[in-house]
Amino acid sequence: MAKKILIIDDELLVQKVLTDKLQEQGFEIISALDGEEGLKMIENKKPDLILLDIIMPKLDGTSVLKKLKENPETNRIPVLIFTNLSDKETLAISLKFGGVEYLTKADHTLDDIVEKVKEKLGP
């Protein structure tokens, strides 16, 4: 059975490109355009891994992380932070609240993302 990845990002182009690339690798992809929708998807779909943006409408990525980690049913889901923010404060907060990796969009290729996803999900 394919591993399920939830992409929470308010940029449709980013979602499409990531979805296409990850589906090529055999992953099942679900997506949400904001943090509130993302939390609902997490509860309903139980993804194996989450790719999470920080700056989003309704509920930002840091708030999603906090809520995710407070819930015993979801606190073990690995979260890769994938954002345009590269400041040390955002990095520290994201990792403090349970992000397993912090990737800035400008510094990583699609292949980098795929490798990180595979690394976190294992064989």
PDB file of N, CA and C in Angstrom:
ATOM      1  N   MET A   1       0.843  -1.185   0.000  1.00  0.00           N
ATOM      2  CA  MET A   1       0.000   0.000   0.000  1.00  0.00           C
ATOM      3  C   MET A   1       0.886   1.245   0.000  1.00  0.00           C
ATOM      4  N   ALA A   2       0.523   2.219  -0.808  1.00  0.00           N
ATOM      5  CA  ALA A   2       1.305   3.441  -0.939  1.00  0.00           C
ATOM      6  C   ALA A   2       1.241   4.273   0.341  1.00  0.00           C
ATOM      7  N   LYS A   3       2.361   4.875   0.682  1.00  0.00           N
ATOM      8  CA  LYS A   3       2.404   5.796   1.820  1.00  0.00           C
ATOM      9  C   LYS A   3       1.656   7.065   1.444  1.00  0.00           C
ATOM     10  N   LYS A   4       0.907   7.607   2.408  1.00  0.00           N
ATOM     11  CA  LYS A   4       0.064   8.779   2.174  1.00  0.00           C
ATOM     12  C   LYS A   4       0.750  10.035   2.696  1.00  0.00           C
ATOM     13  N   ILE A   5       0.871  11.029   1.814  1.00  0.00           N
ATOM     14  CA  ILE A   5       1.500  12.296   2.172  1.00  0.00           C
ATOM     15  C   ILE A   5       0.470  13.405   2.047  1.00  0.00           C
ATOM     16  N   LEU A   6       0.397  14.233   3.082  1.00  0.00           N
ATOM     17  CA  LEU A   6      -0.476  15.410   3.063  1.00  0.00           C
ATOM     18  C   LEU A   6       0.386  16.644   2.817  1.00  0.00           C
ATOM     19  N   ILE A   7       0.045  17.398   1.777  1.00  0.00           N
ATOM     20  CA  ILE A   7       0.717  18.658   1.492  1.00  0.00           C
ATOM     21  C   ILE A   7      -0.207  19.785   1.946  1.00  0.00           C
ATOM     22  N   ILE A   8       0.264  20.589   2.898  1.00  0.00           N
ATOM     23  CA  ILE A   8      -0.503  21.746   3.358  1.00  0.00           C
ATOM     24  C   ILE A   8       0.250  22.995   2.920  1.00  0.00           C
ATOM     25  N   ASP A   9      -0.243  23.629   1.875  1.00  0.00           N
ATOM     26  CA  ASP A   9       0.415  24.810   1.302  1.00  0.00           C
ATOM     27  C   ASP A   9      -0.640  25.613   0.560  1.00  0.00           C
ATOM     28  N   ASP A  10      -0.620  26.934   0.730  1.00  0.00           N
ATOM     29  CA  ASP A  10      -1.634  27.765   0.087  1.00  0.00           C
ATOM     30  C   ASP A  10      -1.283  28.134  -1.352  1.00  0.00           C
ATOM     31  N   GLU A  11      -0.134  27.710  -1.834  1.00  0.00           N
ATOM     32  CA  GLU A  11       0.260  27.982  -3.222  1.00  0.00           C
ATOM     33  C   GLU A  11      -0.095  26.781  -4.095  1.00  0.00           C
ATOM     34  N   LEU A  12      -1.070  26.970  -4.992  1.00  0.00           N
ATOM     35  CA  LEU A  12      -1.524  25.874  -5.852  1.00  0.00           C
ATOM     36  C   LEU A  12      -0.410  25.312  -6.727  1.00  0.00           C
ATOM     37  N   LEU A  13       0.442  26.172  -7.245  1.00  0.00           N
ATOM     38  CA  LEU A  13       1.526  25.702  -8.108  1.00  0.00           C
ATOM     39  C   LEU A  13       2.481  24.799  -7.334  1.00  0.00           C
ATOM     40  N   VAL A  14       2.815  25.183  -6.121  1.00  0.00           N
ATOM     41  CA  VAL A  14       3.691  24.356  -5.284  1.00  0.00           C
ATOM     42  C   VAL A  14       3.033  23.000  -5.046  1.00  0.00           C
ATOM     43  N   GLN A  15       1.745  23.012  -4.715  1.00  0.00           N
ATOM     44  CA  GLN A  15       1.025  21.753  -4.492  1.00  0.00           C
ATOM     45  C   GLN A  15       1.052  20.867  -5.732  1.00  0.00           C
ATOM     46  N   LYS A  16       0.781  21.452  -6.889  1.00  0.00           N
ATOM     47  CA  LYS A  16       0.729  20.665  -8.120  1.00  0.00           C
ATOM     48  C   LYS A  16       2.076  20.036  -8.440  1.00  0.00           C
ATOM     49  N   VAL A  17       3.134  20.832  -8.371  1.00  0.00           N
ATOM     50  CA  VAL A  17       4.472  20.336  -8.697  1.00  0.00           C
ATOM     51  C   VAL A  17       4.884  19.228  -7.726  1.00  0.00           C
ATOM     52  N   LEU A  18       4.674  19.455  -6.425  1.00  0.00           N
ATOM     53  CA  LEU A  18       5.007  18.430  -5.429  1.00  0.00           C
ATOM     54  C   LEU A  18       4.162  17.175  -5.621  1.00  0.00           C
ATOM     55  N   THR A  19       2.879  17.361  -5.869  1.00  0.00           N
ATOM     56  CA  THR A  19       1.985  16.214  -6.070  1.00  0.00           C
ATOM     57  C   THR A  19       2.450  15.368  -7.246  1.00  0.00           C
ATOM     58  N   ASP A  20       2.706  16.016  -8.367  1.00  0.00           N
ATOM     59  CA  ASP A  20       3.144  15.282  -9.560  1.00  0.00           C
ATOM     60  C   ASP A  20       4.432  14.501  -9.291  1.00  0.00           C
ATOM     61  N   LYS A  21       5.400  15.155  -8.684  1.00  0.00           N
ATOM     62  CA  LYS A  21       6.697  14.528  -8.434  1.00  0.00           C
ATOM     63  C   LYS A  21       6.575  13.361  -7.449  1.00  0.00           C
ATOM     64  N   LEU A  22       5.813  13.547  -6.385  1.00  0.00           N
ATOM     65  CA  LEU A  22       5.674  12.489  -5.380  1.00  0.00           C
ATOM     66  C   LEU A  22       4.818  11.326  -5.880  1.00  0.00           C
ATOM     67  N   GLN A  23       3.812  11.623  -6.701  1.00  0.00           N
ATOM     68  CA  GLN A  23       3.006  10.545  -7.273  1.00  0.00           C
ATOM     69  C   GLN A  23       3.841   9.686  -8.221  1.00  0.00           C
ATOM     70  N   GLU A  24       4.759  10.314  -8.948  1.00  0.00           N
ATOM     71  CA  GLU A  24       5.676   9.562  -9.815  1.00  0.00           C
ATOM     72  C   GLU A  24       6.473   8.539  -9.012  1.00  0.00           C
ATOM     73  N   GLN A  25       6.717   8.847  -7.754  1.00  0.00           N
ATOM     74  CA  GLN A  25       7.486   7.966  -6.874  1.00  0.00           C
ATOM     75  C   GLN A  25       6.602   6.940  -6.162  1.00  0.00           C
ATOM     76  N   GLY A  26       5.309   6.937  -6.469  1.00  0.00           N
ATOM     77  CA  GLY A  26       4.411   5.929  -5.913  1.00  0.00           C
ATOM     78  C   GLY A  26       3.705   6.320  -4.630  1.00  0.00           C
ATOM     79  N   PHE A  27       3.800   7.578  -4.227  1.00  0.00           N
ATOM     80  CA  PHE A  27       3.113   8.022  -3.012  1.00  0.00           C
ATOM     81  C   PHE A  27       1.681   8.440  -3.324  1.00  0.00           C
ATOM     82  N   GLU A  28       0.799   8.241  -2.352  1.00  0.00           N
ATOM     83  CA  GLU A  28      -0.566   8.756  -2.443  1.00  0.00           C
ATOM     84  C   GLU A  28      -0.534  10.172  -1.862  1.00  0.00           C
ATOM     85  N   ILE A  29      -1.102  11.140  -2.590  1.00  0.00           N
ATOM     86  CA  ILE A  29      -1.034  12.532  -2.160  1.00  0.00           C
ATOM     87  C   ILE A  29      -2.430  13.073  -1.871  1.00  0.00           C
ATOM     88  N   ILE A  30      -2.545  13.738  -0.731  1.00  0.00           N
ATOM     89  CA  ILE A  30      -3.736  14.508  -0.399  1.00  0.00           C
ATOM     90  C   ILE A  30      -3.247  15.919  -0.085  1.00  0.00           C
ATOM     91  N   SER A  31      -4.129  16.903  -0.205  1.00  0.00           N
ATOM     92  CA  SER A  31      -3.641  18.262   0.001  1.00  0.00           C
ATOM     93  C   SER A  31      -4.696  19.166   0.623  1.00  0.00           C
ATOM     94  N   ALA A  32      -4.184  20.251   1.215  1.00  0.00           N
ATOM     95  CA  ALA A  32      -5.027  21.264   1.835  1.00  0.00           C
ATOM     96  C   ALA A  32      -4.407  22.629   1.546  1.00  0.00           C
ATOM     97  N   LEU A  33      -5.275  23.637   1.374  1.00  0.00           N
ATOM     98  CA  LEU A  33      -4.808  24.977   1.021  1.00  0.00           C
ATOM     99  C   LEU A  33      -4.609  25.913   2.212  1.00  0.00           C
ATOM    100  N   ASP A  34      -5.002  25.478   3.404  1.00  0.00           N
ATOM    101  CA  ASP A  34      -4.785  26.297   4.596  1.00  0.00           C
ATOM    102  C   ASP A  34      -4.682  25.392   5.816  1.00  0.00           C
ATOM    103  N   GLY A  35      -4.277  25.978   6.928  1.00  0.00           N
ATOM    104  CA  GLY A  35      -4.051  25.199   8.135  1.00  0.00           C
ATOM    105  C   GLY A  35      -5.290  24.539   8.708  1.00  0.00           C
ATOM    106  N   GLU A  36      -6.418  25.230   8.661  1.00  0.00           N
ATOM    107  CA  GLU A  36      -7.660  24.640   9.188  1.00  0.00           C
ATOM    108  C   GLU A  36      -8.050  23.402   8.390  1.00  0.00           C
ATOM    109  N   GLU A  37      -8.026  23.534   7.068  1.00  0.00           N
ATOM    110  CA  GLU A  37      -8.346  22.391   6.208  1.00  0.00           C
ATOM    111  C   GLU A  37      -7.328  21.271   6.431  1.00  0.00           C
ATOM    112  N   GLY A  38      -6.065  21.649   6.616  1.00  0.00           N
ATOM    113  CA  GLY A  38      -5.016  20.669   6.865  1.00  0.00           C
ATOM    114  C   GLY A  38      -5.275  19.847   8.116  1.00  0.00           C
ATOM    115  N   LEU A  39      -5.679  20.501   9.195  1.00  0.00           N
ATOM    116  CA  LEU A  39      -5.973  19.768  10.435  1.00  0.00           C
ATOM    117  C   LEU A  39      -7.122  18.786  10.245  1.00  0.00           C
ATOM    118  N   LYS A  40      -8.145  19.187   9.498  1.00  0.00           N
ATOM    119  CA  LYS A  40      -9.264  18.272   9.223  1.00  0.00           C
ATOM    120  C   LYS A  40      -8.785  17.068   8.423  1.00  0.00           C
ATOM    121  N   MET A  41      -7.934  17.315   7.439  1.00  0.00           N
ATOM    122  CA  MET A  41      -7.405  16.218   6.618  1.00  0.00           C
ATOM    123  C   MET A  41      -6.558  15.263   7.460  1.00  0.00           C
ATOM    124  N   ILE A  42      -5.784  15.824   8.386  1.00  0.00           N
ATOM    125  CA  ILE A  42      -4.957  14.988   9.253  1.00  0.00           C
ATOM    126  C   ILE A  42      -5.844  14.044  10.065  1.00  0.00           C
ATOM    127  N   GLU A  43      -6.911  14.591  10.647  1.00  0.00           N
ATOM    128  CA  GLU A  43      -7.815  13.766  11.455  1.00  0.00           C
ATOM    129  C   GLU A  43      -8.533  12.714  10.619  1.00  0.00           C
ATOM    130  N   ASN A  44      -9.003  13.108   9.431  1.00  0.00           N
ATOM    131  CA  ASN A  44      -9.814  12.208   8.606  1.00  0.00           C
ATOM    132  C   ASN A  44      -9.010  11.216   7.778  1.00  0.00           C
ATOM    133  N   LYS A  45      -7.843  11.617   7.317  1.00  0.00           N
ATOM    134  CA  LYS A  45      -7.087  10.794   6.366  1.00  0.00           C
ATOM    135  C   LYS A  45      -5.872  10.091   6.973  1.00  0.00           C
ATOM    136  N   LYS A  46      -5.436  10.516   8.142  1.00  0.00           N
ATOM    137  CA  LYS A  46      -4.290   9.914   8.832  1.00  0.00           C
ATOM    138  C   LYS A  46      -3.088   9.708   7.895  1.00  0.00           C
ATOM    139  N   PRO A  47      -2.464  10.816   7.457  1.00  0.00           N
ATOM    140  CA  PRO A  47      -1.312  10.681   6.560  1.00  0.00           C
ATOM    141  C   PRO A  47      -0.100  10.073   7.261  1.00  0.00           C
ATOM    142  N   ASP A  48       0.807   9.511   6.467  1.00  0.00           N
ATOM    143  CA  ASP A  48       2.048   8.941   6.998  1.00  0.00           C
ATOM    144  C   ASP A  48       3.112  10.024   7.190  1.00  0.00           C
ATOM    145  N   LEU A  49       2.969  11.140   6.458  1.00  0.00           N
ATOM    146  CA  LEU A  49       3.918  12.243   6.539  1.00  0.00           C
ATOM    147  C   LEU A  49       3.212  13.509   6.067  1.00  0.00           C
ATOM    148  N   ILE A  50       3.650  14.655   6.605  1.00  0.00           N
ATOM    149  CA  ILE A  50       3.052  15.941   6.226  1.00  0.00           C
ATOM    150  C   ILE A  50       4.147  16.873   5.723  1.00  0.00           C
ATOM    151  N   LEU A  51       3.906  17.497   4.577  1.00  0.00           N
ATOM    152  CA  LEU A  51       4.736  18.601   4.080  1.00  0.00           C
ATOM    153  C   LEU A  51       3.968  19.868   4.413  1.00  0.00           C
ATOM    154  N   LEU A  52       4.543  20.728   5.240  1.00  0.00           N
ATOM    155  CA  LEU A  52       3.808  21.850   5.811  1.00  0.00           C
ATOM    156  C   LEU A  52       4.481  23.191   5.532  1.00  0.00           C
ATOM    157  N   ASP A  53       3.711  24.110   4.963  1.00  0.00           N
ATOM    158  CA  ASP A  53       4.168  25.496   4.793  1.00  0.00           C
ATOM    159  C   ASP A  53       3.905  26.228   6.111  1.00  0.00           C
ATOM    160  N   ILE A  54       4.602  27.349   6.334  1.00  0.00           N
ATOM    161  CA  ILE A  54       4.406  28.121   7.565  1.00  0.00           C
ATOM    162  C   ILE A  54       3.415  29.261   7.362  1.00  0.00           C
ATOM    163  N   ILE A  55       3.608  30.057   6.315  1.00  0.00           N
ATOM    164  CA  ILE A  55       2.742  31.213   6.097  1.00  0.00           C
ATOM    165  C   ILE A  55       1.537  30.794   5.262  1.00  0.00           C
ATOM    166  N   MET A  56       0.363  30.744   5.918  1.00  0.00           N
ATOM    167  CA  MET A  56      -0.877  30.330   5.254  1.00  0.00           C
ATOM    168  C   MET A  56      -2.050  31.082   5.853  1.00  0.00           C
ATOM    169  N   PRO A  57      -3.149  31.157   5.106  1.00  0.00           N
ATOM    170  CA  PRO A  57      -4.355  31.792   5.653  1.00  0.00           C
ATOM    171  C   PRO A  57      -5.031  30.900   6.696  1.00  0.00           C
ATOM    172  N   LYS A  58      -5.887  31.521   7.472  1.00  0.00           N
ATOM    173  CA  LYS A  58      -6.735  30.887   8.490  1.00  0.00           C
ATOM    174  C   LYS A  58      -5.950  30.358   9.679  1.00  0.00           C
ATOM    175  N   LEU A  59      -4.952  29.507   9.435  1.00  0.00           N
ATOM    176  CA  LEU A  59      -4.161  28.936  10.525  1.00  0.00           C
ATOM    177  C   LEU A  59      -2.761  28.695   9.977  1.00  0.00           C
ATOM    178  N   ASP A  60      -1.754  29.322  10.590  1.00  0.00           N
ATOM    179  CA  ASP A  60      -0.407  29.174  10.046  1.00  0.00           C
ATOM    180  C   ASP A  60       0.204  27.815  10.412  1.00  0.00           C
ATOM    181  N   GLY A  61       1.324  27.512   9.771  1.00  0.00           N
ATOM    182  CA  GLY A  61       1.960  26.216   9.952  1.00  0.00           C
ATOM    183  C   GLY A  61       2.419  25.946  11.370  1.00  0.00           C
ATOM    184  N   THR A  62       2.895  26.974  12.065  1.00  0.00           N
ATOM    185  CA  THR A  62       3.325  26.786  13.446  1.00  0.00           C
ATOM    186  C   THR A  62       2.144  26.381  14.327  1.00  0.00           C
ATOM    187  N   SER A  63       0.985  26.998  14.125  1.00  0.00           N
ATOM    188  CA  SER A  63      -0.219  26.634  14.889  1.00  0.00           C
ATOM    189  C   SER A  63      -0.666  25.215  14.556  1.00  0.00           C
ATOM    190  N   VAL A  64      -0.556  24.841  13.281  1.00  0.00           N
ATOM    191  CA  VAL A  64      -0.900  23.460  12.878  1.00  0.00           C
ATOM    192  C   VAL A  64       0.014  22.483  13.613  1.00  0.00           C
ATOM    193  N   LEU A  65       1.311  22.773  13.624  1.00  0.00           N
ATOM    194  CA  LEU A  65       2.265  21.898  14.318  1.00  0.00           C
ATOM    195  C   LEU A  65       1.910  21.738  15.789  1.00  0.00           C
ATOM    196  N   LYS A  66       1.620  22.861  16.464  1.00  0.00           N
ATOM    197  CA  LYS A  66       1.271  22.805  17.889  1.00  0.00           C
ATOM    198  C   LYS A  66       0.065  21.900  18.122  1.00  0.00           C
ATOM    199  N   LYS A  67      -0.991  22.093  17.336  1.00  0.00           N
ATOM    200  CA  LYS A  67      -2.209  21.293  17.503  1.00  0.00           C
ATOM    201  C   LYS A  67      -1.942  19.821  17.178  1.00  0.00           C
ATOM    202  N   LEU A  68      -1.169  19.581  16.167  1.00  0.00           N
ATOM    203  CA  LEU A  68      -0.821  18.222  15.758  1.00  0.00           C
ATOM    204  C   LEU A  68      -0.088  17.493  16.883  1.00  0.00           C
ATOM    205  N   LYS A  69       0.857  18.180  17.496  1.00  0.00           N
ATOM    206  CA  LYS A  69       1.681  17.552  18.527  1.00  0.00           C
ATOM    207  C   LYS A  69       0.966  17.430  19.868  1.00  0.00           C
ATOM    208  N   GLU A  70      -0.112  18.210  20.084  1.00  0.00           N
ATOM    209  CA  GLU A  70      -0.901  18.092  21.317  1.00  0.00           C
ATOM    210  C   GLU A  70      -1.819  16.878  21.289  1.00  0.00           C
ATOM    211  N   ASN A  71      -2.105  16.360  20.107  1.00  0.00           N
ATOM    212  CA  ASN A  71      -3.051  15.259  19.954  1.00  0.00           C
ATOM    213  C   ASN A  71      -2.293  13.925  19.931  1.00  0.00           C
ATOM    214  N   PRO A  72      -2.572  13.028  20.899  1.00  0.00           N
ATOM    215  CA  PRO A  72      -1.857  11.742  20.948  1.00  0.00           C
ATOM    216  C   PRO A  72      -2.056  10.885  19.686  1.00  0.00           C
ATOM    217  N   GLU A  73      -3.147  11.105  18.956  1.00  0.00           N
ATOM    218  CA  GLU A  73      -3.392  10.316  17.744  1.00  0.00           C
ATOM    219  C   GLU A  73      -2.574  10.801  16.551  1.00  0.00           C
ATOM    220  N   THR A  74      -2.075  12.041  16.618  1.00  0.00           N
ATOM    221  CA  THR A  74      -1.361  12.594  15.467  1.00  0.00           C
ATOM    222  C   THR A  74       0.063  13.038  15.783  1.00  0.00           C
ATOM    223  N   ASN A  75       0.464  12.975  17.043  1.00  0.00           N
ATOM    224  CA  ASN A  75       1.754  13.566  17.410  1.00  0.00           C
ATOM    225  C   ASN A  75       2.974  12.805  16.910  1.00  0.00           C
ATOM    226  N   ARG A  76       2.787  11.622  16.358  1.00  0.00           N
ATOM    227  CA  ARG A  76       3.926  10.852  15.837  1.00  0.00           C
ATOM    228  C   ARG A  76       4.099  10.981  14.324  1.00  0.00           C
ATOM    229  N   ILE A  77       3.200  11.697  13.673  1.00  0.00           N
ATOM    230  CA  ILE A  77       3.302  11.865  12.221  1.00  0.00           C
ATOM    231  C   ILE A  77       4.483  12.793  11.922  1.00  0.00           C
ATOM    232  N   PRO A  78       5.451  12.337  11.114  1.00  0.00           N
ATOM    233  CA  PRO A  78       6.573  13.219  10.789  1.00  0.00           C
ATOM    234  C   PRO A  78       6.123  14.399   9.936  1.00  0.00           C
ATOM    235  N   VAL A  79       6.667  15.577  10.241  1.00  0.00           N
ATOM    236  CA  VAL A  79       6.313  16.806   9.530  1.00  0.00           C
ATOM    237  C   VAL A  79       7.579  17.435   8.949  1.00  0.00           C
ATOM    238  N   LEU A  80       7.580  17.595   7.634  1.00  0.00           N
ATOM    239  CA  LEU A  80       8.654  18.319   6.966  1.00  0.00           C
ATOM    240  C   LEU A  80       8.161  19.737   6.735  1.00  0.00           C
ATOM    241  N   ILE A  81       8.846  20.703   7.295  1.00  0.00           N
ATOM    242  CA  ILE A  81       8.505  22.105   7.080  1.00  0.00           C
ATOM    243  C   ILE A  81       9.096  22.500   5.735  1.00  0.00           C
ATOM    244  N   PHE A  82       8.257  23.053   4.854  1.00  0.00           N
ATOM    245  CA  PHE A  82       8.693  23.453   3.516  1.00  0.00           C
ATOM    246  C   PHE A  82       8.162  24.852   3.279  1.00  0.00           C
ATOM    247  N   THR A  83       9.033  25.856   3.428  1.00  0.00           N
ATOM    248  CA  THR A  83       8.574  27.239   3.472  1.00  0.00           C
ATOM    249  C   THR A  83       9.559  28.193   2.811  1.00  0.00           C
ATOM    250  N   ASN A  84       9.104  29.409   2.576  1.00  0.00           N
ATOM    251  CA  ASN A  84       9.982  30.461   2.068  1.00  0.00           C
ATOM    252  C   ASN A  84      10.744  31.147   3.195  1.00  0.00           C
ATOM    253  N   LEU A  85      10.324  30.940   4.425  1.00  0.00           N
ATOM    254  CA  LEU A  85      10.977  31.595   5.568  1.00  0.00           C
ATOM    255  C   LEU A  85      12.292  30.898   5.894  1.00  0.00           C
ATOM    256  N   SER A  86      13.329  31.677   6.091  1.00  0.00           N
ATOM    257  CA  SER A  86      14.621  31.068   6.406  1.00  0.00           C
ATOM    258  C   SER A  86      15.248  31.656   7.670  1.00  0.00           C
ATOM    259  N   ASP A  87      14.472  32.427   8.425  1.00  0.00           N
ATOM    260  CA  ASP A  87      15.043  33.035   9.635  1.00  0.00           C
ATOM    261  C   ASP A  87      15.185  32.007  10.758  1.00  0.00           C
ATOM    262  N   LYS A  88      16.166  32.238  11.603  1.00  0.00           N
ATOM    263  CA  LYS A  88      16.483  31.280  12.663  1.00  0.00           C
ATOM    264  C   LYS A  88      15.343  31.120  13.671  1.00  0.00           C
ATOM    265  N   GLU A  89      14.590  32.171  13.927  1.00  0.00           N
ATOM    266  CA  GLU A  89      13.495  32.096  14.894  1.00  0.00           C
ATOM    267  C   GLU A  89      12.403  31.135  14.402  1.00  0.00           C
ATOM    268  N   THR A  90      12.017  31.262  13.143  1.00  0.00           N
ATOM    269  CA  THR A  90      10.994  30.361  12.588  1.00  0.00           C
ATOM    270  C   THR A  90      11.503  28.923  12.583  1.00  0.00           C
ATOM    271  N   LEU A  91      12.758  28.742  12.229  1.00  0.00           N
ATOM    272  CA  LEU A  91      13.368  27.413  12.247  1.00  0.00           C
ATOM    273  C   LEU A  91      13.304  26.813  13.646  1.00  0.00           C
ATOM    274  N   ALA A  92      13.711  27.578  14.649  1.00  0.00           N
ATOM    275  CA  ALA A  92      13.731  27.089  16.029  1.00  0.00           C
ATOM    276  C   ALA A  92      12.329  26.732  16.514  1.00  0.00           C
ATOM    277  N   ILE A  93      11.363  27.596  16.234  1.00  0.00           N
ATOM    278  CA  ILE A  93       9.979  27.334  16.657  1.00  0.00           C
ATOM    279  C   ILE A  93       9.445  26.079  15.978  1.00  0.00           C
ATOM    280  N   SER A  94       9.690  25.958  14.680  1.00  0.00           N
ATOM    281  CA  SER A  94       9.186  24.804  13.934  1.00  0.00           C
ATOM    282  C   SER A  94       9.762  23.495  14.455  1.00  0.00           C
ATOM    283  N   LEU A  95      11.045  23.481  14.735  1.00  0.00           N
ATOM    284  CA  LEU A  95      11.670  22.262  15.243  1.00  0.00           C
ATOM    285  C   LEU A  95      11.241  21.991  16.686  1.00  0.00           C
ATOM    286  N   LYS A  96      11.070  23.041  17.469  1.00  0.00           N
ATOM    287  CA  LYS A  96      10.616  22.890  18.858  1.00  0.00           C
ATOM    288  C   LYS A  96       9.245  22.216  18.910  1.00  0.00           C
ATOM    289  N   PHE A  97       8.369  22.596  17.972  1.00  0.00           N
ATOM    290  CA  PHE A  97       7.019  22.043  17.993  1.00  0.00           C
ATOM    291  C   PHE A  97       6.867  20.776  17.154  1.00  0.00           C
ATOM    292  N   GLY A  98       7.972  20.149  16.807  1.00  0.00           N
ATOM    293  CA  GLY A  98       7.866  18.810  16.251  1.00  0.00           C
ATOM    294  C   GLY A  98       8.173  18.639  14.781  1.00  0.00           C
ATOM    295  N   GLY A  99       8.575  19.681  14.097  1.00  0.00           N
ATOM    296  CA  GLY A  99       9.000  19.495  12.716  1.00  0.00           C
ATOM    297  C   GLY A  99      10.246  18.627  12.694  1.00  0.00           C
ATOM    298  N   VAL A 100      10.340  17.655  11.790  1.00  0.00           N
ATOM    299  CA  VAL A 100      11.504  16.766  11.760  1.00  0.00           C
ATOM    300  C   VAL A 100      12.580  17.261  10.805  1.00  0.00           C
ATOM    301  N   GLU A 101      12.203  18.179   9.934  1.00  0.00           N
ATOM    302  CA  GLU A 101      13.160  18.737   8.964  1.00  0.00           C
ATOM    303  C   GLU A 101      12.624  20.091   8.534  1.00  0.00           C
ATOM    304  N   TYR A 102      13.528  21.023   8.237  1.00  0.00           N
ATOM    305  CA  TYR A 102      13.141  22.372   7.840  1.00  0.00           C
ATOM    306  C   TYR A 102      13.797  22.663   6.504  1.00  0.00           C
ATOM    307  N   LEU A 103      12.990  22.802   5.462  1.00  0.00           N
ATOM    308  CA  LEU A 103      13.499  23.015   4.115  1.00  0.00           C
ATOM    309  C   LEU A 103      12.986  24.335   3.562  1.00  0.00           C
ATOM    310  N   THR A 104      13.892  25.194   3.117  1.00  0.00           N
ATOM    311  CA  THR A 104      13.453  26.434   2.495  1.00  0.00           C
ATOM    312  C   THR A 104      13.242  26.185   1.004  1.00  0.00           C
ATOM    313  N   LYS A 105      12.139  26.696   0.489  1.00  0.00           N
ATOM    314  CA  LYS A 105      11.757  26.454  -0.904  1.00  0.00           C
ATOM    315  C   LYS A 105      12.839  26.895  -1.881  1.00  0.00           C
ATOM    316  N   ALA A 106      13.484  28.029  -1.595  1.00  0.00           N
ATOM    317  CA  ALA A 106      14.485  28.559  -2.518  1.00  0.00           C
ATOM    318  C   ALA A 106      15.760  27.712  -2.565  1.00  0.00           C
ATOM    319  N   ASP A 107      16.008  26.943  -1.516  1.00  0.00           N
ATOM    320  CA  ASP A 107      17.280  26.214  -1.410  1.00  0.00           C
ATOM    321  C   ASP A 107      17.189  24.724  -1.731  1.00  0.00           C
ATOM    322  N   HIS A 108      16.000  24.218  -2.052  1.00  0.00           N
ATOM    323  CA  HIS A 108      15.850  22.778  -2.273  1.00  0.00           C
ATOM    324  C   HIS A 108      15.104  22.479  -3.565  1.00  0.00           C
ATOM    325  N   THR A 109      15.595  21.480  -4.275  1.00  0.00           N
ATOM    326  CA  THR A 109      14.949  21.052  -5.511  1.00  0.00           C
ATOM    327  C   THR A 109      13.863  20.032  -5.199  1.00  0.00           C
ATOM    328  N   LEU A 110      13.062  19.726  -6.202  1.00  0.00           N
ATOM    329  CA  LEU A 110      12.046  18.674  -6.032  1.00  0.00           C
ATOM    330  C   LEU A 110      12.696  17.348  -5.667  1.00  0.00           C
ATOM    331  N   ASP A 111      13.832  17.059  -6.281  1.00  0.00           N
ATOM    332  CA  ASP A 111      14.529  15.808  -5.961  1.00  0.00           C
ATOM    333  C   ASP A 111      14.971  15.780  -4.501  1.00  0.00           C
ATOM    334  N   ASP A 112      15.401  16.943  -3.971  1.00  0.00           N
ATOM    335  CA  ASP A 112      15.761  17.027  -2.548  1.00  0.00           C
ATOM    336  C   ASP A 112      14.568  16.664  -1.676  1.00  0.00           C
ATOM    337  N   ILE A 113      13.406  17.197  -2.033  1.00  0.00           N
ATOM    338  CA  ILE A 113      12.186  16.951  -1.254  1.00  0.00           C
ATOM    339  C   ILE A 113      11.844  15.468  -1.276  1.00  0.00           C
ATOM    340  N   VAL A 114      11.883  14.874  -2.461  1.00  0.00           N
ATOM    341  CA  VAL A 114      11.581  13.441  -2.598  1.00  0.00           C
ATOM    342  C   VAL A 114      12.538  12.619  -1.733  1.00  0.00           C
ATOM    343  N   GLU A 115      13.806  12.951  -1.763  1.00  0.00           N
ATOM    344  CA  GLU A 115      14.791  12.206  -0.960  1.00  0.00           C
ATOM    345  C   GLU A 115      14.497  12.347   0.541  1.00  0.00           C
ATOM    346  N   LYS A 116      14.166  13.550   0.983  1.00  0.00           N
ATOM    347  CA  LYS A 116      13.841  13.749   2.399  1.00  0.00           C
ATOM    348  C   LYS A 116      12.591  12.966   2.799  1.00  0.00           C
ATOM    349  N   VAL A 117      11.590  12.963   1.935  1.00  0.00           N
ATOM    350  CA  VAL A 117      10.361  12.214   2.208  1.00  0.00           C
ATOM    351  C   VAL A 117      10.688  10.730   2.337  1.00  0.00           C
ATOM    352  N   LYS A 118      11.441  10.198   1.400  1.00  0.00           N
ATOM    353  CA  LYS A 118      11.825   8.773   1.436  1.00  0.00           C
ATOM    354  C   LYS A 118      12.626   8.459   2.685  1.00  0.00           C
ATOM    355  N   GLU A 119      13.532   9.361   3.036  1.00  0.00           N
ATOM    356  CA  GLU A 119      14.374   9.181   4.222  1.00  0.00           C
ATOM    357  C   GLU A 119      13.518   9.091   5.484  1.00  0.00           C
ATOM    358  N   LYS A 120      12.514   9.974   5.595  1.00  0.00           N
ATOM    359  CA  LYS A 120      11.680  10.012   6.800  1.00  0.00           C
ATOM    360  C   LYS A 120      10.686   8.851   6.869  1.00  0.00           C
ATOM    361  N   LEU A 121      10.240   8.365   5.703  1.00  0.00           N
ATOM    362  CA  LEU A 121       9.253   7.287   5.685  1.00  0.00           C
ATOM    363  C   LEU A 121       9.874   5.905   5.689  1.00  0.00           C
ATOM    364  N   GLY A 122      11.140   5.817   5.329  1.00  0.00           N
ATOM    365  CA  GLY A 122      11.800   4.522   5.282  1.00  0.00           C
ATOM    366  C   GLY A 122      11.326   3.701   4.093  1.00  0.00           C
ATOM    367  N   PRO A 123      11.761   2.444   4.013  1.00  0.00           N
ATOM    368  CA  PRO A 123      11.422   1.603   2.848  1.00  0.00           C
ATOM    369  C   PRO A 123       9.949   1.269   2.757  1.00  0.00           C
TER     370      PRO A 123
END
